C-alpha atoms as a PDB file:
ATOM      1  CA  ARG A   1     105.736 135.083 151.036  1.00  0.00           C
ATOM      2  CA  SER A   2     105.524 137.492 148.096  1.00  0.00           C
ATOM      3  CA  ASN A   3     108.880 136.522 146.574  1.00  0.00           C
ATOM      4  CA  PRO A   4     109.928 132.847 146.947  1.00  0.00           C
ATOM      5  CA  ASP A   5     113.256 133.449 145.161  1.00  0.00           C
ATOM      6  CA  VAL A   6     114.316 136.056 147.708  1.00  0.00           C
ATOM      7  CA  PHE A   7     113.259 133.753 150.530  1.00  0.00           C
ATOM      8  CA  GLU A   8     115.314 130.855 149.159  1.00  0.00           C
ATOM      9  CA  SER A   9     118.311 133.119 148.692  1.00  0.00           C
ATOM     10  CA  ARG A  10     118.110 134.291 152.303  1.00  0.00           C
ATOM     11  CA  MET A  11     117.741 130.739 153.580  1.00  0.00           C
ATOM     12  CA  GLU A  12     120.845 129.718 151.634  1.00  0.00           C
ATOM     13  CA  LYS A  13     122.804 132.573 153.216  1.00  0.00           C
ATOM     14  CA  ARG A  14     121.472 131.629 156.653  1.00  0.00           C
ATOM     15  CA  SER A  15     122.609 128.039 156.060  1.00  0.00           C
ATOM     16  CA  GLU A  16     126.072 129.244 155.043  1.00  0.00           C
ATOM     17  CA  VAL A  17     126.372 131.286 158.218  1.00  0.00           C
ATOM     18  CA  LYS A  18     125.415 128.291 160.343  1.00  0.00           C
ATOM     19  CA  LYS A  19     128.120 126.197 158.654  1.00  0.00           C
ATOM     20  CA  GLN A  20     130.790 128.738 159.476  1.00  0.00           C
ATOM     21  CA  PRO A  21     132.784 128.202 162.682  1.00  0.00           C
ATOM     22  CA  VAL A  22     131.982 130.392 165.682  1.00  0.00           C
ATOM     23  CA  GLY A  23     133.926 133.620 165.512  1.00  0.00           C
ATOM     24  CA  HIS A  24     134.272 133.536 161.716  1.00  0.00           C
ATOM     25  CA  SER A  25     131.879 136.386 160.968  1.00  0.00           C
ATOM     26  CA  LYS A  26     133.411 139.833 160.991  1.00  0.00           C
ATOM     27  CA  GLN A  27     131.861 142.930 162.553  1.00  0.00           C
ATOM     28  CA  GLY A  28     130.960 144.243 159.119  1.00  0.00           C
ATOM     29  CA  GLU A  29     128.720 141.241 158.541  1.00  0.00           C
ATOM     30  CA  PHE A  30     126.873 141.932 161.768  1.00  0.00           C
ATOM     31  CA  ILE A  31     126.531 145.589 160.881  1.00  0.00           C
ATOM     32  CA  ARG A  32     124.969 144.598 157.561  1.00  0.00           C
ATOM     33  CA  CYS A  33     122.731 142.186 159.403  1.00  0.00           C
ATOM     34  CA  MET A  34     121.551 144.988 161.680  1.00  0.00           C
ATOM     35  CA  GLU A  35     121.011 147.283 158.712  1.00  0.00           C
ATOM     36  CA  GLU A  36     118.855 144.662 157.009  1.00  0.00           C
ATOM     37  CA  LYS A  37     116.789 144.031 160.111  1.00  0.00           C
ATOM     38  CA  ALA A  38     116.279 147.760 160.566  1.00  0.00           C
ATOM     39  CA  ARG A  39     114.767 148.287 157.118  1.00  0.00           C
ATOM     40  CA  PRO A  40     111.002 148.989 157.137  1.00  0.00           C
ATOM     41  CA  ALA A  41     110.473 146.271 154.502  1.00  0.00           C
ATOM     42  CA  GLU A  42     111.304 143.650 157.090  1.00  0.00           C
ATOM     43  CA  GLY A  43     107.975 144.426 158.743  1.00  0.00           C
ATOM     44  CA  LEU A  44     109.300 144.456 162.307  1.00  0.00           C
ATOM     45  CA  GLY A  45     109.257 147.542 164.501  1.00  0.00           C
ATOM     46  CA  ASN A  46     107.579 149.399 161.658  1.00  0.00           C
ATOM     47  CA  LYS A  47     104.416 150.477 163.482  1.00  0.00           C
ATOM     48  CA  THR A  48     104.545 154.080 164.563  1.00  0.00           C
ATOM     49  CA  SER A  49     102.626 155.744 167.346  1.00  0.00           C
ATOM     50  CA  LYS A  50     101.677 159.376 167.839  1.00  0.00           C
ATOM     51  CA  GLY A  51     104.713 161.570 167.331  1.00  0.00           C
ATOM     52  CA  GLY A  52     106.426 159.109 165.002  1.00  0.00           C
ATOM     53  CA  PHE A  53     107.782 156.769 167.680  1.00  0.00           C
ATOM     54  CA  THR A  54     107.928 153.052 166.943  1.00  0.00           C
ATOM     55  CA  ARG A  55     105.339 150.891 168.643  1.00  0.00           C
ATOM     56  CA  ASP A  56     106.366 147.457 169.926  1.00  0.00           C
ATOM     57  CA  LYS A  57     109.988 148.101 168.957  1.00  0.00           C
ATOM     58  CA  THR A  58     111.594 144.676 169.448  1.00  0.00           C
ATOM     59  CA  LEU A  59     115.278 143.853 169.595  1.00  0.00           C
ATOM     60  CA  ASP A  60     114.792 141.486 166.666  1.00  0.00           C
ATOM     61  CA  SER A  61     113.704 144.466 164.567  1.00  0.00           C
ATOM     62  CA  ILE A  62     117.205 145.901 165.033  1.00  0.00           C
ATOM     63  CA  LEU A  63     119.496 142.893 164.764  1.00  0.00           C
ATOM     64  CA  ASN A  64     119.504 139.153 164.233  1.00  0.00           C
ATOM     65  CA  VAL A  65     119.205 137.950 167.826  1.00  0.00           C
ATOM     66  CA  GLU A  66     119.815 134.308 166.971  1.00  0.00           C
ATOM     67  CA  MET A  67     123.084 135.166 165.237  1.00  0.00           C
ATOM     68  CA  VAL A  68     124.482 137.312 168.052  1.00  0.00           C
ATOM     69  CA  LYS A  69     123.726 134.597 170.602  1.00  0.00           C
ATOM     70  CA  GLU A  70     126.845 132.902 169.273  1.00  0.00           C
ATOM     71  CA  LYS A  71     128.901 135.891 170.383  1.00  0.00           C
ATOM     72  CA  SER A  72     130.281 136.836 173.785  1.00  0.00           C
ATOM     73  CA  ALA A  73     128.948 139.778 175.789  1.00  0.00           C
ATOM     74  CA  GLY A  74     132.060 141.761 174.904  1.00  0.00           C
ATOM     75  CA  GLU A  75     131.647 141.125 171.198  1.00  0.00           C
ATOM     76  CA  ILE A  76     127.953 142.033 171.281  1.00  0.00           C
ATOM     77  CA  THR A  77     128.801 145.228 173.153  1.00  0.00           C
ATOM     78  CA  GLN A  78     131.375 146.169 170.527  1.00  0.00           C
ATOM     79  CA  ILE A  79     128.939 145.436 167.700  1.00  0.00           C
ATOM     80  CA  TRP A  80     126.128 147.443 169.348  1.00  0.00           C
ATOM     81  CA  ASN A  81     128.352 150.423 170.060  1.00  0.00           C
ATOM     82  CA  GLN A  82     129.953 150.401 166.620  1.00  0.00           C
ATOM     83  CA  TYR A  83     126.591 150.236 164.876  1.00  0.00           C
ATOM     84  CA  PHE A  84     124.952 153.062 166.807  1.00  0.00           C
ATOM     85  CA  SER A  85     128.029 155.286 166.941  1.00  0.00           C
ATOM     86  CA  ALA A  86     127.208 156.265 163.358  1.00  0.00           C
ATOM     87  CA  LYS A  87     123.581 157.007 164.234  1.00  0.00           C
ATOM     88  CA  ASP A  88     122.151 160.269 165.518  1.00  0.00           C
ATOM     89  CA  THR A  89     120.749 158.708 168.679  1.00  0.00           C
ATOM     90  CA  VAL A  90     121.467 157.560 172.227  1.00  0.00           C
ATOM     91  CA  TYR A  91     122.527 153.998 173.034  1.00  0.00           C
ATOM     92  CA  ALA A  92     124.122 151.954 175.819  1.00  0.00           C
ATOM     93  CA  VAL A  93     124.963 148.464 177.028  1.00  0.00           C
ATOM     94  CA  ILE A  94     123.891 148.116 180.662  1.00  0.00           C
ATOM     95  CA  PRO A  95     125.296 145.397 182.964  1.00  0.00           C
ATOM     96  CA  ALA A  96     122.566 142.949 184.041  1.00  0.00           C
ATOM     97  CA  ASP A  97     122.946 143.655 187.752  1.00  0.00           C
ATOM     98  CA  LYS A  98     122.641 147.409 187.228  1.00  0.00           C
ATOM     99  CA  PHE A  99     119.537 146.992 185.098  1.00  0.00           C
ATOM    100  CA  ASP A 100     118.062 144.660 187.726  1.00  0.00           C
ATOM    101  CA  LEU A 101     118.380 147.474 190.245  1.00  0.00           C
ATOM    102  CA  ILE A 102     116.906 150.052 187.852  1.00  0.00           C
ATOM    103  CA  TRP A 103     114.036 147.738 186.924  1.00  0.00           C
ATOM    104  CA  LYS A 104     113.213 146.845 190.528  1.00  0.00           C
ATOM    105  CA  ARG A 105     113.077 150.503 191.454  1.00  0.00           C
ATOM    106  CA  ALA A 106     111.101 151.410 188.331  1.00  0.00           C
ATOM    107  CA  GLN A 107     108.351 149.024 189.443  1.00  0.00           C
ATOM    108  CA  LYS A 108     108.045 150.839 192.753  1.00  0.00           C
ATOM    109  CA  CYS A 109     108.666 154.325 191.395  1.00  0.00           C
ATOM    110  CA  PRO A 110     107.627 154.497 187.712  1.00  0.00           C
ATOM    111  CA  SER A 111     107.967 158.253 187.251  1.00  0.00           C
ATOM    112  CA  PHE A 112     110.397 161.035 188.073  1.00  0.00           C
ATOM    113  CA  LEU A 113     111.160 164.669 187.332  1.00  0.00           C
ATOM    114  CA  TYR A 114     114.398 165.294 185.424  1.00  0.00           C
ATOM    115  CA  ALA A 115     116.152 168.623 184.861  1.00  0.00           C
ATOM    116  CA  LEU A 116     117.719 169.417 181.496  1.00  0.00           C
ATOM    117  CA  PRO A 117     120.379 172.184 181.570  1.00  0.00           C
ATOM    118  CA  ARG A 118     119.623 175.079 179.248  1.00  0.00           C
ATOM    119  CA  LYS A 119     121.463 178.316 178.462  1.00  0.00           C
ATOM    120  CA  GLU A 120     119.579 179.963 181.289  1.00  0.00           C
ATOM    121  CA  GLY A 121     118.467 177.668 184.081  1.00  0.00           C
ATOM    122  CA  TYR A 122     116.850 174.277 183.550  1.00  0.00           C
ATOM    123  CA  GLU A 123     113.916 172.768 181.688  1.00  0.00           C
ATOM    124  CA  PHE A 124     112.059 170.001 183.508  1.00  0.00           C
ATOM    125  CA  PHE A 125     110.993 166.701 181.958  1.00  0.00           C
ATOM    126  CA  VAL A 126     108.779 163.973 183.360  1.00  0.00           C
ATOM    127  CA  GLY A 127     110.018 160.432 182.764  1.00  0.00           C
ATOM    128  CA  GLN A 128     107.413 157.644 182.914  1.00  0.00           C
ATOM    129  CA  TRP A 129     108.164 153.917 182.640  1.00  0.00           C
ATOM    130  CA  SER A 130     105.875 151.799 180.445  1.00  0.00           C
ATOM    131  CA  GLY A 131     107.163 148.253 180.548  1.00  0.00           C
ATOM    132  CA  THR A 132     110.847 148.451 179.628  1.00  0.00           C
ATOM    133  CA  GLU A 133     110.312 151.699 177.728  1.00  0.00           C
ATOM    134  CA  LEU A 134     110.986 155.017 179.440  1.00  0.00           C
ATOM    135  CA  HIS A 135     109.013 157.922 177.967  1.00  0.00           C
ATOM    136  CA  PHE A 136     109.970 161.560 178.492  1.00  0.00           C
ATOM    137  CA  THR A 137     107.955 164.694 177.879  1.00  0.00           C
ATOM    138  CA  SER A 138     108.472 168.246 179.091  1.00  0.00           C
ATOM    139  CA  LEU A 139     106.752 169.284 182.290  1.00  0.00           C
ATOM    140  CA  ILE A 140     104.989 172.109 180.483  1.00  0.00           C
ATOM    141  CA  ASN A 141     103.418 169.526 178.159  1.00  0.00           C
ATOM    142  CA  VAL A 142     102.172 167.505 181.115  1.00  0.00           C
ATOM    143  CA  GLN A 143     100.778 170.614 182.762  1.00  0.00           C
ATOM    144  CA  THR A 144      98.922 171.729 179.634  1.00  0.00           C
ATOM    145  CA  GLN A 145      97.941 168.387 178.044  1.00  0.00           C
ATOM    146  CA  GLY A 146      97.860 165.961 180.945  1.00  0.00           C
ATOM    147  CA  GLU A 147      97.842 162.260 180.054  1.00  0.00           C
ATOM    148  CA  THR A 148      97.616 163.077 176.336  1.00  0.00           C
ATOM    149  CA  ALA A 149     101.000 164.832 176.364  1.00  0.00           C
ATOM    150  CA  PRO A 150     103.117 163.268 173.564  1.00  0.00           C
ATOM    151  CA  SER A 151     106.489 161.656 174.241  1.00  0.00           C
ATOM    152  CA  GLN A 152     109.513 163.631 173.110  1.00  0.00           C
ATOM    153  CA  LEU A 153     112.046 160.905 173.910  1.00  0.00           C
ATOM    154  CA  VAL A 154     111.712 157.146 174.403  1.00  0.00           C
ATOM    155  CA  LEU A 155     114.473 154.927 175.794  1.00  0.00           C
ATOM    156  CA  TYR A 156     114.069 151.285 174.733  1.00  0.00           C
ATOM    157  CA  HIS A 157     115.636 148.671 177.026  1.00  0.00           C
ATOM    158  CA  TYR A 158     116.101 145.106 175.748  1.00  0.00           C
ATOM    159  CA  PRO A 159     116.615 142.399 178.399  1.00  0.00           C
ATOM    160  CA  ASP A 160     116.501 139.627 175.750  1.00  0.00           C
ATOM    161  CA  LEU A 161     120.147 138.702 176.369  1.00  0.00           C
ATOM    162  CA  GLN A 162     120.225 139.565 180.070  1.00  0.00           C
ATOM    163  CA  LYS A 163     120.272 136.038 181.515  1.00  0.00           C
ATOM    164  CA  GLU A 164     122.460 134.453 178.861  1.00  0.00           C
ATOM    165  CA  LYS A 165     124.962 137.264 178.274  1.00  0.00           C
ATOM    166  CA  GLY A 166     124.648 139.449 181.374  1.00  0.00           C
ATOM    167  CA  ILE A 167     123.860 142.633 179.426  1.00  0.00           C
ATOM    168  CA  VAL A 168     120.820 144.749 178.568  1.00  0.00           C
ATOM    169  CA  LEU A 169     120.893 146.729 175.325  1.00  0.00           C
ATOM    170  CA  MET A 170     119.407 150.221 175.131  1.00  0.00           C
ATOM    171  CA  THR A 171     118.705 152.667 172.341  1.00  0.00           C
ATOM    172  CA  ALA A 172     116.320 155.551 171.799  1.00  0.00           C
ATOM    173  CA  GLU A 173     114.068 157.572 169.541  1.00  0.00           C
ATOM    174  CA  MET A 174     113.451 161.291 169.994  1.00  0.00           C
ATOM    175  CA  ASP A 175     111.461 164.123 168.522  1.00  0.00           C
ATOM    176  CA  SER A 176     114.165 166.215 166.866  1.00  0.00           C
ATOM    177  CA  LYS A 177     111.887 169.276 166.869  1.00  0.00           C
ATOM    178  CA  PHE A 178     112.340 169.526 170.634  1.00  0.00           C
ATOM    179  CA  LEU A 179     115.499 167.616 171.560  1.00  0.00           C
ATOM    180  CA  VAL A 180     118.942 166.932 170.163  1.00  0.00           C
ATOM    181  CA  VAL A 181     121.157 163.933 170.958  1.00  0.00           C
ATOM    182  CA  HIS A 182     123.023 165.967 173.562  1.00  0.00           C
ATOM    183  CA  ASP A 183     119.737 166.519 175.453  1.00  0.00           C
ATOM    184  CA  ALA A 184     118.741 162.870 175.174  1.00  0.00           C
ATOM    185  CA  GLN A 185     122.126 161.760 176.483  1.00  0.00           C
ATOM    186  CA  CYS A 186     121.760 164.046 179.477  1.00  0.00           C
ATOM    187  CA  LEU A 187     118.350 162.574 180.348  1.00  0.00           C
ATOM    188  CA  ALA A 188     119.618 159.016 179.844  1.00  0.00           C
ATOM    189  CA  ASN A 189     122.569 159.699 182.145  1.00  0.00           C
ATOM    190  CA  GLN A 190     120.169 160.943 184.792  1.00  0.00           C
ATOM    191  CA  VAL A 191     118.269 157.657 184.730  1.00  0.00           C
ATOM    192  CA  GLN A 192     121.522 155.984 185.749  1.00  0.00           C
ATOM    193  CA  LEU A 193     122.187 158.685 188.321  1.00  0.00           C
ATOM    194  CA  PHE A 194     118.833 158.457 190.105  1.00  0.00           C
ATOM    195  CA  TYR A 195     117.737 154.845 189.572  1.00  0.00           C
ATOM    196  CA  ALA A 196     121.085 152.994 189.720  1.00  0.00           C
ATOM    197  CA  THR A 197     122.716 154.973 192.519  1.00  0.00           C
ATOM    198  CA  ASP A 198     124.109 153.498 195.720  1.00  0.00           C
ATOM    199  CA  ARG A 199     123.344 156.736 197.583  1.00  0.00           C
ATOM    200  CA  SER A 200     120.084 156.438 199.495  1.00  0.00           C
ATOM    201  CA  GLU A 201     119.729 160.221 199.453  1.00  0.00           C
ATOM    202  CA  THR A 202     119.749 160.299 195.664  1.00  0.00           C
ATOM    203  CA  TYR A 203     117.218 157.502 195.145  1.00  0.00           C
ATOM    204  CA  GLY A 204     115.257 159.001 198.037  1.00  0.00           C
ATOM    205  CA  LEU A 205     114.293 161.860 195.709  1.00  0.00           C
ATOM    206  CA  VAL A 206     112.674 159.332 193.363  1.00  0.00           C
ATOM    207  CA  GLU A 207     110.762 157.742 196.248  1.00  0.00           C
ATOM    208  CA  THR A 208     109.600 161.119 197.493  1.00  0.00           C
ATOM    209  CA  PHE A 209     108.389 162.159 194.036  1.00  0.00           C
ATOM    210  CA  ASN A 210     106.325 158.978 193.687  1.00  0.00           C
ATOM    211  CA  HIS A 211     105.019 158.445 197.200  1.00  0.00           C
ATOM    212  CA  ARG A 212     105.234 161.766 199.060  1.00  0.00           C
ATOM    213  CA  SER A 213     104.801 164.305 196.289  1.00  0.00           C
ATOM    214  CA  SER A 214     103.847 167.096 198.699  1.00  0.00           C
ATOM    215  CA  GLU A 215     107.342 166.873 200.195  1.00  0.00           C
ATOM    216  CA  PHE A 216     109.164 166.862 196.843  1.00  0.00           C
ATOM    217  CA  LYS A 217     111.346 169.879 196.049  1.00  0.00           C
ATOM    218  CA  TYR A 218     112.378 170.262 192.420  1.00  0.00           C
ATOM    219  CA  MET A 219     115.458 172.232 193.442  1.00  0.00           C
ATOM    220  CA  SER A 220     116.764 169.037 195.056  1.00  0.00           C
ATOM    221  CA  VAL A 221     117.061 167.500 191.573  1.00  0.00           C
ATOM    222  CA  ILE A 222     119.160 170.435 190.383  1.00  0.00           C
ATOM    223  CA  ALA A 223     121.327 170.237 193.505  1.00  0.00           C
ATOM    224  CA  GLU A 224     121.927 166.527 192.890  1.00  0.00           C
ATOM    225  CA  LEU A 225     122.857 167.186 189.257  1.00  0.00           C
ATOM    226  CA  GLU A 226     125.308 169.882 190.252  1.00  0.00           C
ATOM    227  CA  GLN A 227     126.841 167.660 192.923  1.00  0.00           C
ATOM    228  CA  SER A 228     127.262 164.763 190.502  1.00  0.00           C
ATOM    229  CA  GLY A 229     128.815 167.019 187.874  1.00  0.00           C
ATOM    230  CA  LEU A 230     126.163 166.327 185.229  1.00  0.00           C
ATOM    231  CA  GLY A 231     124.606 169.768 185.582  1.00  0.00           C
ATOM    232  CA  ARG A 232     127.908 171.484 184.865  1.00  0.00           C
ATOM    233  CA  GLU A 233     129.277 169.089 182.265  1.00  0.00           C
ATOM    234  CA  LEU A 234     126.175 168.904 180.109  1.00  0.00           C
ATOM    235  CA  ARG A 235     125.351 172.563 179.714  1.00  0.00           C
ATOM    236  CA  PRO A 236     125.166 173.572 176.024  1.00  0.00           C
ATOM    237  CA  GLY A 237     128.553 174.540 174.666  1.00  0.00           C
ATOM    238  CA  GLN A 238     130.442 172.303 177.045  1.00  0.00           C
ATOM    239  CA  VAL A 239     131.716 168.841 176.158  1.00  0.00           C
ATOM    240  CA  SER A 240     132.283 166.266 178.840  1.00  0.00           C
ATOM    241  CA  ASP A 241     135.700 164.607 178.824  1.00  0.00           C
ATOM    242  CA  LYS A 242     134.254 161.519 180.460  1.00  0.00           C
ATOM    243  CA  SER A 243     133.467 158.480 178.323  1.00  0.00           C
END
């Protein structure tokens, strides 16, 4: 609106892209497209909430959704992974059926207690679903600040392409004063472990935490992490050899 020349230039480029045959655009073009959409000047996903996290962070604020609809799920996955691999953050492409299971369970059990391995013992974090966003904050924050406790990590899930492409895109924002990417990855892996599991005993911990809190034992979370291997693999100083 403020610069008609820029608008016309962008429309010309958009027209050129539409004229190109499907599959013509290279990954670099999509990466540039994502970079452009991610700039604050675009006006999307630019509202920040307490703690610096983006409010109403839409998928369209990250990439050109209309353009990637021409691509296959595999190509979109490659583009997403390549783009975020250079970023200091957590990201994933979740199969639609797995996200369906996670989402169904999140409706019934919107919160859970996660254990983050530290040099000595574990630090506990509460994860709370808010729509398709999953907010984490340390248990000590919840105990001292209650509902006003600020988020320290937010996982953003985007089901925009779920029906058409069979995938759900995920990325995150975190408060770097409290967490590093390694920590965020550990918590994100635990969401898969507890909400997407086929083991009734594992998901049973989530149900107990939400509906029978008096019976919940936090040591059961640690035991499950150790049994799955996450507790051992993700301790500081150790690097998992699993992709």
